Structures are given as structure tokens and as C-alpha cells.
Amino acid sequence: MRTQNKQKTLRMAELGILLALVVVLQSISSLGVVTICLCLIPITLGAMALDWKGGAVLGFAFGLIALFWGIVGKDVFTLYLFTANPAMTIAICIVKGTLSGIVPALLYKWLSGYEYKNSKLVASIVASLSAPIVNTGIFALGCMIIKKDVISVAGQLGVSADNFVTLLFVALIGFNFFIEFGVNAVFSPALNKLTTVLNKRLIK
């Protein structure tokens, strides 16, 4: 019982540290038109080390912070979407954020459960790369669902539908995705080592 309490306390402490990192990194990222989600790194680490519940909490926080900075005008494109369709923008931010924490956790648990050489490393890489895919994929899908609303607002600002679609999928979504995908790919081996260290601490 005492060991379980210590493990629970340690998990809460680790979750708190990662949550603070998510808040700080996303707050820094949510400035301007093009935003790079650096907080996907601590979200992925939490997903792998603290299971899907920890990943869900971190991802949910990411969605809330992104939404907050959009509403107050710091994240220009999120504000643009919120102006076009507030309800769907809230749903997009929360769902993409939360699933960006849950999906990597489930993939990591599934792949690391197999007994083969470097299974943990492979699981870490796949989990790390899944986070930006889920984040960008759901965001793009959400934008397509409210496409008419967004294009309507674009028209009021003097932006044509063709120019908007190009800006959205090439300049914003495409650019963001490749940067986030590359960053998570580079950090995936380090995340594997950190996950191993955190899990050993919990076992001890």
C-alpha cells in the first residue's frame, strides 16, 4: 500500500512537471499566424511514461491553451477559425489535443508489448510520429468541416476561396506538420531513454 502511494505521488509529480512544460511551450508557440506545437514532445513523453490517462490530461491542456491564446488574439489563425465557427473551433482544439496524447500512448503500449529487438525504441518512434499526424490530421479535417464558414469570413476580408485553401493547406497546415513531424522524429530516441528512466523510477 505504501509503495502504491509513493508511485501515485511520483506519477502526479511527473505529470505536474510535464503539464507545466506543455503550458509554457504552447504559450510560446501560440504567437503569430504560423504556430509550431513544441508541446507535442512533453505530451508524447507523458503518453509513453504515464499511460493514456496522463497523455489525455496533457493533450487536453494543450487544446485548452491553444484555444485560450486564439480567443485572446495571440494565435491569429485560431482566432480566425473561432470567428468563423466558435463551437467547432472549441471542439477541434480539444479533440485534436486530447487525441494527440491518447493515440501515442495506445500505440506505445501496443508495440512495446511485443518481444523483439529494439521494441521499445520502435514503439517510441511510432508513438512520437503519431502525435503530429493526429494533431494535424484532425485540425485539417475540422477545417474542411467548417470550410464554408471560414471561406465566408475570408471573403469578408477580401481573400478569395482559392487563395484561402492554398494558404490553409500549404502555408499553414503543411508547413506546421513537417516542422512538428521533424522535431518529434529527432527527439524520439531521447524520449525512449527518458521513458525508460521514468518507468524505472516508478518500479523502484
C-alpha atoms as a PDB file:
ATOM      1  CA  MET A   1       0.000   0.000   0.000  1.00  0.00           C
ATOM      2  CA  ARG A   2       2.805   2.361   0.937  1.00  0.00           C
ATOM      3  CA  THR A   3       4.650   1.580  -2.301  1.00  0.00           C
ATOM      4  CA  GLN A   4       1.497   2.236  -4.317  1.00  0.00           C
ATOM      5  CA  ASN A   5       1.062   5.614  -2.626  1.00  0.00           C
ATOM      6  CA  LYS A   6       4.661   6.538  -3.436  1.00  0.00           C
ATOM      7  CA  GLN A   7       4.188   5.519  -7.052  1.00  0.00           C
ATOM      8  CA  LYS A   8       0.985   7.542  -7.270  1.00  0.00           C
ATOM      9  CA  THR A   9       2.720  10.586  -5.775  1.00  0.00           C
ATOM     10  CA  LEU A  10       5.637  10.231  -8.184  1.00  0.00           C
ATOM     11  CA  ARG A  11       3.273   9.931 -11.145  1.00  0.00           C
ATOM     12  CA  MET A  12       1.429  13.069 -10.049  1.00  0.00           C
ATOM     13  CA  ALA A  13       4.715  14.945  -9.666  1.00  0.00           C
ATOM     14  CA  GLU A  14       5.905  13.877 -13.123  1.00  0.00           C
ATOM     15  CA  LEU A  15       2.531  14.768 -14.627  1.00  0.00           C
ATOM     16  CA  GLY A  16       2.708  18.186 -12.971  1.00  0.00           C
ATOM     17  CA  ILE A  17       6.159  18.891 -14.425  1.00  0.00           C
ATOM     18  CA  LEU A  18       5.093  17.800 -17.914  1.00  0.00           C
ATOM     19  CA  LEU A  19       1.873  19.806 -17.626  1.00  0.00           C
ATOM     20  CA  ALA A  20       3.886  22.932 -16.799  1.00  0.00           C
ATOM     21  CA  LEU A  21       6.078  22.291 -19.847  1.00  0.00           C
ATOM     22  CA  VAL A  22       3.000  21.928 -22.056  1.00  0.00           C
ATOM     23  CA  VAL A  23       1.568  25.227 -20.819  1.00  0.00           C
ATOM     24  CA  VAL A  24       4.853  27.129 -21.256  1.00  0.00           C
ATOM     25  CA  LEU A  25       5.775  25.665 -24.662  1.00  0.00           C
ATOM     26  CA  GLN A  26       2.302  26.105 -26.120  1.00  0.00           C
ATOM     27  CA  SER A  27       2.091  29.653 -24.784  1.00  0.00           C
ATOM     28  CA  ILE A  28       5.376  30.450 -26.526  1.00  0.00           C
ATOM     29  CA  SER A  29       4.244  28.697 -29.707  1.00  0.00           C
ATOM     30  CA  SER A  30       0.845  30.423 -29.886  1.00  0.00           C
ATOM     31  CA  LEU A  31       2.190  33.730 -31.143  1.00  0.00           C
ATOM     32  CA  GLY A  32       1.560  34.932 -34.685  1.00  0.00           C
ATOM     33  CA  VAL A  33      -0.051  33.304 -37.698  1.00  0.00           C
ATOM     34  CA  VAL A  34       2.042  30.126 -38.043  1.00  0.00           C
ATOM     35  CA  THR A  35       2.322  28.178 -34.787  1.00  0.00           C
ATOM     36  CA  ILE A  36       4.591  25.194 -34.168  1.00  0.00           C
ATOM     37  CA  CYS A  37       3.373  22.872 -31.396  1.00  0.00           C
ATOM     38  CA  LEU A  38       6.574  22.240 -29.447  1.00  0.00           C
ATOM     39  CA  CYS A  39       4.464  20.896 -26.592  1.00  0.00           C
ATOM     40  CA  LEU A  40       3.901  17.660 -28.525  1.00  0.00           C
ATOM     41  CA  ILE A  41       7.259  16.491 -27.136  1.00  0.00           C
ATOM     42  CA  PRO A  42       6.269  16.518 -23.417  1.00  0.00           C
ATOM     43  CA  ILE A  43       2.799  15.243 -24.382  1.00  0.00           C
ATOM     44  CA  THR A  44       4.355  12.239 -26.131  1.00  0.00           C
ATOM     45  CA  LEU A  45       6.699  11.616 -23.200  1.00  0.00           C
ATOM     46  CA  GLY A  46       3.788  11.687 -20.777  1.00  0.00           C
ATOM     47  CA  ALA A  47       1.758   9.412 -23.026  1.00  0.00           C
ATOM     48  CA  MET A  48       4.539   6.809 -23.073  1.00  0.00           C
ATOM     49  CA  ALA A  49       5.580   7.050 -19.424  1.00  0.00           C
ATOM     50  CA  LEU A  50       2.242   7.728 -17.716  1.00  0.00           C
ATOM     51  CA  ASP A  51      -0.175   5.728 -19.930  1.00  0.00           C
ATOM     52  CA  TRP A  52      -3.129   7.059 -21.926  1.00  0.00           C
ATOM     53  CA  LYS A  53      -4.719   8.856 -18.976  1.00  0.00           C
ATOM     54  CA  GLY A  54      -1.625  11.002 -18.477  1.00  0.00           C
ATOM     55  CA  GLY A  55      -1.449  11.601 -22.216  1.00  0.00           C
ATOM     56  CA  ALA A  56      -5.107  12.609 -22.270  1.00  0.00           C
ATOM     57  CA  VAL A  57      -4.611  15.159 -19.468  1.00  0.00           C
ATOM     58  CA  LEU A  58      -1.586  16.688 -21.186  1.00  0.00           C
ATOM     59  CA  GLY A  59      -3.304  16.727 -24.571  1.00  0.00           C
ATOM     60  CA  PHE A  60      -6.451  18.271 -23.126  1.00  0.00           C
ATOM     61  CA  ALA A  61      -4.345  21.016 -21.523  1.00  0.00           C
ATOM     62  CA  PHE A  62      -2.657  21.619 -24.882  1.00  0.00           C
ATOM     63  CA  GLY A  63      -6.067  22.062 -26.534  1.00  0.00           C
ATOM     64  CA  LEU A  64      -7.279  24.475 -23.855  1.00  0.00           C
ATOM     65  CA  ILE A  65      -4.133  26.618 -24.002  1.00  0.00           C
ATOM     66  CA  ALA A  66      -4.220  26.764 -27.816  1.00  0.00           C
ATOM     67  CA  LEU A  67      -7.893  27.770 -27.680  1.00  0.00           C
ATOM     68  CA  PHE A  68      -7.265  30.397 -24.999  1.00  0.00           C
ATOM     69  CA  TRP A  69      -4.473  32.116 -26.916  1.00  0.00           C
ATOM     70  CA  GLY A  70      -6.612  32.022 -30.028  1.00  0.00           C
ATOM     71  CA  ILE A  71      -9.604  33.659 -28.363  1.00  0.00           C
ATOM     72  CA  VAL A  72      -7.467  36.447 -26.869  1.00  0.00           C
ATOM     73  CA  GLY A  73      -5.913  37.083 -30.273  1.00  0.00           C
ATOM     74  CA  LYS A  74      -2.349  35.824 -29.842  1.00  0.00           C
ATOM     75  CA  ASP A  75      -2.850  32.812 -32.122  1.00  0.00           C
ATOM     76  CA  VAL A  76      -4.124  34.603 -35.223  1.00  0.00           C
ATOM     77  CA  PHE A  77      -5.364  31.614 -37.197  1.00  0.00           C
ATOM     78  CA  THR A  78      -7.208  30.032 -34.258  1.00  0.00           C
ATOM     79  CA  LEU A  79      -8.897  33.396 -33.698  1.00  0.00           C
ATOM     80  CA  TYR A  80      -9.814  33.400 -37.390  1.00  0.00           C
ATOM     81  CA  LEU A  81     -11.444  29.956 -37.058  1.00  0.00           C
ATOM     82  CA  PHE A  82     -13.166  30.958 -33.827  1.00  0.00           C
ATOM     83  CA  THR A  83     -14.673  33.972 -35.571  1.00  0.00           C
ATOM     84  CA  ALA A  84     -15.974  31.718 -38.357  1.00  0.00           C
ATOM     85  CA  ASN A  85     -17.410  28.969 -36.116  1.00  0.00           C
ATOM     86  CA  PRO A  86     -16.830  29.190 -32.321  1.00  0.00           C
ATOM     87  CA  ALA A  87     -18.406  25.834 -31.371  1.00  0.00           C
ATOM     88  CA  MET A  88     -16.477  23.804 -33.949  1.00  0.00           C
ATOM     89  CA  THR A  89     -13.228  25.608 -33.169  1.00  0.00           C
ATOM     90  CA  ILE A  90     -13.570  24.664 -29.499  1.00  0.00           C
ATOM     91  CA  ALA A  91     -14.279  21.057 -30.493  1.00  0.00           C
ATOM     92  CA  ILE A  92     -11.329  20.961 -32.916  1.00  0.00           C
ATOM     93  CA  CYS A  93      -8.852  22.285 -30.334  1.00  0.00           C
ATOM     94  CA  ILE A  94      -9.996  19.982 -27.534  1.00  0.00           C
ATOM     95  CA  VAL A  95     -10.382  16.817 -29.634  1.00  0.00           C
ATOM     96  CA  LYS A  96      -7.096  17.150 -31.554  1.00  0.00           C
ATOM     97  CA  GLY A  97      -5.220  17.989 -28.370  1.00  0.00           C
ATOM     98  CA  THR A  98      -6.650  15.145 -26.298  1.00  0.00           C
ATOM     99  CA  LEU A  99      -6.211  12.526 -29.017  1.00  0.00           C
ATOM    100  CA  SER A 100      -2.629  13.721 -29.577  1.00  0.00           C
ATOM    101  CA  GLY A 101      -1.995  12.389 -26.080  1.00  0.00           C
ATOM    102  CA  ILE A 102      -4.144   9.255 -26.166  1.00  0.00           C
ATOM    103  CA  VAL A 103      -3.137   7.789 -29.542  1.00  0.00           C
ATOM    104  CA  PRO A 104       0.652   7.814 -28.886  1.00  0.00           C
ATOM    105  CA  ALA A 105       0.050   6.161 -25.504  1.00  0.00           C
ATOM    106  CA  LEU A 106      -2.003   3.337 -27.011  1.00  0.00           C
ATOM    107  CA  LEU A 107       0.464   2.795 -29.869  1.00  0.00           C
ATOM    108  CA  TYR A 108       3.411   2.733 -27.472  1.00  0.00           C
ATOM    109  CA  LYS A 109       1.740   0.229 -25.158  1.00  0.00           C
ATOM    110  CA  TRP A 110       0.738  -1.996 -28.068  1.00  0.00           C
ATOM    111  CA  LEU A 111       4.094  -2.005 -29.889  1.00  0.00           C
ATOM    112  CA  SER A 112       6.309  -2.187 -26.796  1.00  0.00           C
ATOM    113  CA  GLY A 113       4.419  -5.261 -25.635  1.00  0.00           C
ATOM    114  CA  TYR A 114       5.976  -7.408 -28.364  1.00  0.00           C
ATOM    115  CA  GLU A 115       9.238  -9.218 -27.655  1.00  0.00           C
ATOM    116  CA  TYR A 116      11.701  -8.308 -30.395  1.00  0.00           C
ATOM    117  CA  LYS A 117      14.957  -6.402 -30.677  1.00  0.00           C
ATOM    118  CA  ASN A 118      14.618  -2.661 -30.014  1.00  0.00           C
ATOM    119  CA  SER A 119      10.862  -2.994 -29.465  1.00  0.00           C
ATOM    120  CA  LYS A 120      10.845  -0.056 -27.033  1.00  0.00           C
ATOM    121  CA  LEU A 121      12.736   2.182 -29.461  1.00  0.00           C
ATOM    122  CA  VAL A 122      10.444   1.287 -32.359  1.00  0.00           C
ATOM    123  CA  ALA A 123       7.401   1.890 -30.154  1.00  0.00           C
ATOM    124  CA  SER A 124       8.825   5.278 -29.094  1.00  0.00           C
ATOM    125  CA  ILE A 125       9.454   6.363 -32.676  1.00  0.00           C
ATOM    126  CA  VAL A 126       5.985   5.334 -33.861  1.00  0.00           C
ATOM    127  CA  ALA A 127       4.331   6.993 -30.861  1.00  0.00           C
ATOM    128  CA  SER A 128       6.349  10.183 -31.350  1.00  0.00           C
ATOM    129  CA  LEU A 129       5.487  10.429 -35.030  1.00  0.00           C
ATOM    130  CA  SER A 130       1.811   9.688 -34.443  1.00  0.00           C
ATOM    131  CA  ALA A 131       1.324  12.823 -32.310  1.00  0.00           C
ATOM    132  CA  PRO A 132       1.841  15.403 -35.108  1.00  0.00           C
ATOM    133  CA  ILE A 133      -0.098  13.204 -37.554  1.00  0.00           C
ATOM    134  CA  VAL A 134      -3.118  13.090 -35.229  1.00  0.00           C
ATOM    135  CA  ASN A 135      -2.810  16.772 -34.323  1.00  0.00           C
ATOM    136  CA  THR A 136      -2.579  17.998 -37.922  1.00  0.00           C
ATOM    137  CA  GLY A 137      -4.984  15.421 -39.343  1.00  0.00           C
ATOM    138  CA  ILE A 138      -7.840  16.293 -37.009  1.00  0.00           C
ATOM    139  CA  PHE A 139      -7.150  20.004 -37.445  1.00  0.00           C
ATOM    140  CA  ALA A 140      -7.310  19.687 -41.249  1.00  0.00           C
ATOM    141  CA  LEU A 141     -10.488  17.589 -41.038  1.00  0.00           C
ATOM    142  CA  GLY A 142     -12.094  20.153 -38.747  1.00  0.00           C
ATOM    143  CA  CYS A 143     -11.174  22.974 -41.124  1.00  0.00           C
ATOM    144  CA  MET A 144     -12.798  21.093 -44.002  1.00  0.00           C
ATOM    145  CA  ILE A 145     -15.993  20.573 -41.982  1.00  0.00           C
ATOM    146  CA  ILE A 146     -16.336  24.327 -41.374  1.00  0.00           C
ATOM    147  CA  LYS A 147     -14.888  25.243 -44.773  1.00  0.00           C
ATOM    148  CA  LYS A 148     -17.939  27.236 -45.861  1.00  0.00           C
ATOM    149  CA  ASP A 149     -17.953  29.312 -42.667  1.00  0.00           C
ATOM    150  CA  VAL A 150     -14.232  30.008 -42.915  1.00  0.00           C
ATOM    151  CA  ILE A 151     -14.375  30.937 -46.611  1.00  0.00           C
ATOM    152  CA  SER A 152     -17.282  33.258 -45.846  1.00  0.00           C
ATOM    153  CA  VAL A 153     -15.170  35.124 -43.295  1.00  0.00           C
ATOM    154  CA  ALA A 154     -12.245  35.116 -45.737  1.00  0.00           C
ATOM    155  CA  GLY A 155     -14.481  36.732 -48.354  1.00  0.00           C
ATOM    156  CA  GLN A 156     -15.385  39.499 -45.916  1.00  0.00           C
ATOM    157  CA  LEU A 157     -11.675  40.161 -45.513  1.00  0.00           C
ATOM    158  CA  GLY A 158     -11.136  40.254 -49.264  1.00  0.00           C
ATOM    159  CA  VAL A 159      -9.455  36.837 -49.546  1.00  0.00           C
ATOM    160  CA  SER A 160     -10.634  34.569 -52.390  1.00  0.00           C
ATOM    161  CA  ALA A 161     -11.623  30.946 -51.756  1.00  0.00           C
ATOM    162  CA  ASP A 162      -8.729  29.598 -53.858  1.00  0.00           C
ATOM    163  CA  ASN A 163      -6.170  31.745 -52.074  1.00  0.00           C
ATOM    164  CA  PHE A 164      -7.578  30.706 -48.718  1.00  0.00           C
ATOM    165  CA  VAL A 165      -7.384  26.977 -49.458  1.00  0.00           C
ATOM    166  CA  THR A 166      -3.784  27.396 -50.664  1.00  0.00           C
ATOM    167  CA  LEU A 167      -2.857  29.391 -47.558  1.00  0.00           C
ATOM    168  CA  LEU A 168      -4.560  26.904 -45.237  1.00  0.00           C
ATOM    169  CA  PHE A 169      -3.230  23.604 -46.558  1.00  0.00           C
ATOM    170  CA  VAL A 170       0.144  24.635 -47.975  1.00  0.00           C
ATOM    171  CA  ALA A 171       1.434  27.564 -45.948  1.00  0.00           C
ATOM    172  CA  LEU A 172      -0.152  26.761 -42.584  1.00  0.00           C
ATOM    173  CA  ILE A 173      -1.098  23.102 -42.169  1.00  0.00           C
ATOM    174  CA  GLY A 174       1.643  21.745 -44.475  1.00  0.00           C
ATOM    175  CA  PHE A 175       4.423  23.878 -43.014  1.00  0.00           C
ATOM    176  CA  ASN A 176       3.372  23.164 -39.439  1.00  0.00           C
ATOM    177  CA  PHE A 177       3.078  19.443 -39.989  1.00  0.00           C
ATOM    178  CA  PHE A 178       6.546  18.923 -41.490  1.00  0.00           C
ATOM    179  CA  ILE A 179       8.219  21.002 -38.771  1.00  0.00           C
ATOM    180  CA  GLU A 180       6.382  19.214 -35.955  1.00  0.00           C
ATOM    181  CA  PHE A 181       6.929  15.809 -37.577  1.00  0.00           C
ATOM    182  CA  GLY A 182      10.658  16.512 -37.958  1.00  0.00           C
ATOM    183  CA  VAL A 183      11.050  17.766 -34.376  1.00  0.00           C
ATOM    184  CA  ASN A 184       9.321  14.701 -32.923  1.00  0.00           C
ATOM    185  CA  ALA A 185      11.360  12.399 -35.182  1.00  0.00           C
ATOM    186  CA  VAL A 186      14.614  13.939 -33.931  1.00  0.00           C
ATOM    187  CA  PHE A 187      13.578  13.714 -30.292  1.00  0.00           C
ATOM    188  CA  SER A 188      12.060  10.212 -30.435  1.00  0.00           C
ATOM    189  CA  PRO A 189      15.266   8.355 -29.368  1.00  0.00           C
ATOM    190  CA  ALA A 190      15.658  10.748 -26.431  1.00  0.00           C
ATOM    191  CA  LEU A 191      12.014  10.226 -25.473  1.00  0.00           C
ATOM    192  CA  ASN A 192      12.647   6.486 -25.454  1.00  0.00           C
ATOM    193  CA  LYS A 193      15.506   6.886 -22.967  1.00  0.00           C
ATOM    194  CA  LEU A 194      13.532   9.289 -20.786  1.00  0.00           C
ATOM    195  CA  THR A 195      10.567   6.902 -20.733  1.00  0.00           C
ATOM    196  CA  THR A 196      12.861   4.068 -19.613  1.00  0.00           C
ATOM    197  CA  VAL A 197      14.284   6.226 -16.814  1.00  0.00           C
ATOM    198  CA  LEU A 198      10.845   7.333 -15.608  1.00  0.00           C
ATOM    199  CA  ASN A 199       9.486   3.777 -15.646  1.00  0.00           C
ATOM    200  CA  LYS A 200      12.483   2.534 -13.633  1.00  0.00           C
ATOM    201  CA  ARG A 201      11.846   5.231 -11.045  1.00  0.00           C
ATOM    202  CA  LEU A 202       8.230   4.139 -10.751  1.00  0.00           C
ATOM    203  CA  ILE A 203       9.256   0.472 -10.337  1.00  0.00           C
ATOM    204  CA  LYS A 204      11.777   1.338  -7.634  1.00  0.00           C
END
